[in-house]
């Protein structure tokens, strides 16, 4: 076993400590801070859309109307779901749709949420059945989509297509 030792002068020692402290302080001020609340992020994608205070089916209908959707009075389905811990291929692609509208389901892994499904009555230039799905966690919308019921149909973000 070899032991190697050296003696640094006091001036060098405090110089290294001082430079380290200055670098640490500079890093603290240069690293951007990120809010855990995604309301500001969502606002960038969905101006004037409120994602909070969604407590039940009627609030979900009101939420969808902010995008211009008209839906039937009662939901087609209202059920409890659990966001998976690890996303498979389907869930990953669904989460990509959510990210396009400023939402991210990966933050809610292993959480139980409520999914509301409504039949859309005013989808433009389409005669088939269209559904609006909205996922709510603790009175806040965490995901949503518009999709057709056809086997070769479509799925897209909540804003009405142009």
Protein backbone atom coordinates (compact mmCIF):
# COMPACT_ATOMS: atom_id res chain seq x y z
CA UNK A 1 0.00 0.00 0.00
CA UNK A 2 1.27 3.43 -0.94
CA UNK A 3 0.38 6.58 0.90
CA UNK A 4 0.94 9.88 -0.77
CA UNK A 5 0.60 13.14 1.05
CA UNK A 6 1.28 16.73 0.21
CA UNK A 7 1.13 19.99 2.02
CA UNK A 8 -0.70 22.91 0.47
CA UNK A 9 -0.08 26.37 1.66
CA UNK A 10 -2.85 28.11 3.55
CA UNK A 11 -3.11 30.78 0.86
CA UNK A 12 -3.67 28.19 -1.91
CA UNK A 13 -6.20 26.31 0.22
CA UNK A 14 -8.37 29.38 0.90
CA UNK A 15 -7.98 30.50 -2.71
CA UNK A 16 -9.45 27.24 -3.99
CA UNK A 17 -12.29 27.42 -1.43
CA UNK A 18 -13.03 31.04 -2.41
CA UNK A 19 -13.13 30.27 -6.13
CA UNK A 20 -15.42 27.29 -5.46
CA UNK A 21 -17.84 29.46 -3.49
CA UNK A 22 -17.91 32.12 -6.23
CA UNK A 23 -18.57 29.46 -8.90
CA UNK A 24 -21.35 27.92 -6.81
CA UNK A 25 -23.05 31.29 -6.33
CA UNK A 26 -22.73 32.05 -10.06
CA UNK A 27 -24.34 28.70 -10.92
CA UNK A 28 -27.24 29.33 -8.55
CA UNK A 29 -28.02 32.60 -10.31
CA UNK A 30 -27.44 31.31 -13.85
CA UNK A 31 -29.50 28.10 -13.67
CA UNK A 32 -33.11 28.87 -14.62
CA UNK A 33 -35.86 28.04 -12.17
CA UNK A 34 -38.84 26.00 -13.24
CA UNK A 35 -42.23 26.18 -11.65
CA UNK A 36 -43.88 22.94 -10.62
CA UNK A 37 -47.23 24.50 -11.48
CA UNK A 38 -47.82 24.13 -15.22
CA UNK A 39 -50.48 26.84 -15.42
CA UNK A 40 -48.09 29.34 -17.04
CA UNK A 41 -46.81 26.69 -19.46
CA UNK A 42 -50.36 25.72 -20.40
CA UNK A 43 -51.28 29.36 -20.89
CA UNK A 44 -48.68 29.62 -23.64
CA UNK A 45 -50.44 26.90 -25.61
CA UNK A 46 -54.04 27.61 -24.62
CA UNK A 47 -54.62 31.31 -24.13
CA UNK A 48 -57.52 32.13 -21.80
CA UNK A 49 -58.36 28.46 -21.12
CA UNK A 50 -58.94 27.53 -17.48
CA UNK A 51 -57.73 24.05 -16.52
CA UNK A 52 -58.55 24.42 -12.81
CA UNK A 53 -61.74 24.01 -10.77
CA UNK A 54 -63.07 21.09 -12.83
CA UNK A 55 -65.00 19.19 -10.16
CA UNK A 56 -67.56 17.21 -12.13
CA UNK A 57 -69.27 16.44 -15.41
CA UNK A 58 -70.84 19.89 -15.84
CA UNK A 59 -67.45 21.55 -15.28
CA UNK A 60 -65.94 19.27 -17.94
CA UNK A 61 -68.68 20.37 -20.38
CA UNK A 62 -67.85 24.01 -19.56
CA UNK A 63 -64.15 23.27 -20.04
CA UNK A 64 -64.77 21.79 -23.50
CA UNK A 65 -66.95 24.75 -24.46
CA UNK A 66 -63.91 27.01 -23.96
CA UNK A 67 -62.52 25.35 -27.10
CA UNK A 68 -65.81 25.75 -28.94
CA UNK A 69 -66.94 22.12 -28.58
CA UNK A 70 -70.60 21.30 -28.10
CA UNK A 71 -71.19 18.00 -26.39
CA UNK A 72 -74.20 16.02 -25.24
CA UNK A 73 -75.56 16.81 -21.78
CA UNK A 74 -74.53 13.54 -20.11
CA UNK A 75 -71.15 11.87 -20.52
CA UNK A 76 -71.00 8.63 -22.48
CA UNK A 77 -68.57 7.31 -19.85
CA UNK A 78 -67.23 8.49 -16.52
CA UNK A 79 -64.61 6.22 -14.93
CA UNK A 80 -61.61 6.06 -12.63
CA UNK A 81 -58.29 5.35 -14.32
CA UNK A 82 -54.72 4.96 -13.10
CA UNK A 83 -51.90 6.62 -15.00
CA UNK A 84 -49.28 3.87 -15.53
CA UNK A 85 -45.85 4.11 -13.93
CA UNK A 86 -44.09 3.21 -17.16
CA UNK A 87 -45.51 4.23 -20.52
CA UNK A 88 -45.79 1.69 -23.32
CA UNK A 89 -45.72 2.68 -26.99
CA UNK A 90 -49.41 3.68 -27.06
CA UNK A 91 -49.22 5.72 -23.87
CA UNK A 92 -46.02 7.42 -25.05
CA UNK A 93 -47.67 8.54 -28.29
CA UNK A 94 -50.77 9.68 -26.36
CA UNK A 95 -48.55 11.70 -24.04
CA UNK A 96 -46.92 13.31 -27.09
CA UNK A 97 -50.38 14.61 -28.05
CA UNK A 98 -50.71 16.00 -24.54
CA UNK A 99 -47.31 17.68 -24.72
CA UNK A 100 -48.41 19.44 -27.92
CA UNK A 101 -51.02 21.25 -25.86
CA UNK A 102 -48.78 21.96 -22.87
CA UNK A 103 -49.80 19.00 -20.72
CA UNK A 104 -47.71 16.04 -19.56
CA UNK A 105 -49.11 12.83 -18.10
CA UNK A 106 -45.72 11.53 -16.97
CA UNK A 107 -45.96 13.86 -13.96
CA UNK A 108 -48.98 11.87 -12.78
CA UNK A 109 -47.54 8.35 -12.99
CA UNK A 110 -49.25 5.91 -10.60
CA UNK A 111 -51.97 8.48 -9.76
CA UNK A 112 -55.69 7.76 -9.96
CA UNK A 113 -57.68 10.20 -12.06
CA UNK A 114 -61.15 10.46 -13.54
CA UNK A 115 -61.82 10.25 -17.27
CA UNK A 116 -64.90 11.83 -18.78
CA UNK A 117 -65.96 10.91 -22.32
CA UNK A 118 -68.53 13.02 -24.16
CA UNK A 119 -70.06 12.71 -27.60
CA UNK A 120 -69.18 15.80 -29.67
CA UNK A 121 -72.09 17.23 -31.67
CA UNK A 122 -70.38 19.97 -33.69
CA UNK A 123 -67.24 18.47 -35.23
CA UNK A 124 -66.62 20.38 -38.48
CA UNK A 125 -66.93 18.56 -41.83
CA UNK A 126 -67.17 15.06 -40.39
CA UNK A 127 -70.29 12.87 -40.22
CA UNK A 128 -69.02 10.04 -38.02
CA UNK A 129 -69.13 9.74 -34.24
CA UNK A 130 -66.60 11.93 -32.42
CA UNK A 131 -65.72 11.81 -28.72
CA UNK A 132 -64.03 14.25 -26.38
CA UNK A 133 -61.99 12.68 -23.57
CA UNK A 134 -60.91 14.73 -20.56
CA UNK A 135 -58.80 13.39 -17.69
CA UNK A 136 -59.11 15.20 -14.35
CA UNK A 137 -56.86 14.86 -11.30
CA UNK A 138 -57.64 16.80 -8.11
CA UNK A 139 -60.05 19.17 -9.87
CA UNK A 140 -57.53 19.99 -12.61
CA UNK A 141 -57.51 18.87 -16.25
CA UNK A 142 -54.30 16.93 -16.88
CA UNK A 143 -55.10 15.52 -20.34
CA UNK A 144 -57.64 15.66 -23.11
CA UNK A 145 -58.23 14.68 -26.71
CA UNK A 146 -60.75 14.65 -29.50
CA UNK A 147 -61.09 11.34 -31.36
CA UNK A 148 -63.32 9.55 -33.82
CA UNK A 149 -64.97 6.22 -33.13
CA UNK A 150 -64.00 4.83 -36.55
CA UNK A 151 -61.36 2.11 -36.77
CA UNK A 152 -59.27 4.24 -39.14
CA UNK A 153 -60.21 7.46 -37.41
CA UNK A 154 -58.25 10.28 -35.86
CA UNK A 155 -57.13 11.63 -32.52
CA UNK A 156 -55.87 15.14 -31.87
CA UNK A 157 -55.47 17.86 -29.27
CA UNK A 158 -58.40 19.75 -27.77
CA UNK A 159 -58.37 22.91 -29.91
CA UNK A 160 -60.91 22.78 -32.74
CA UNK A 161 -59.31 22.09 -36.14
CA UNK A 162 -59.17 25.00 -38.55
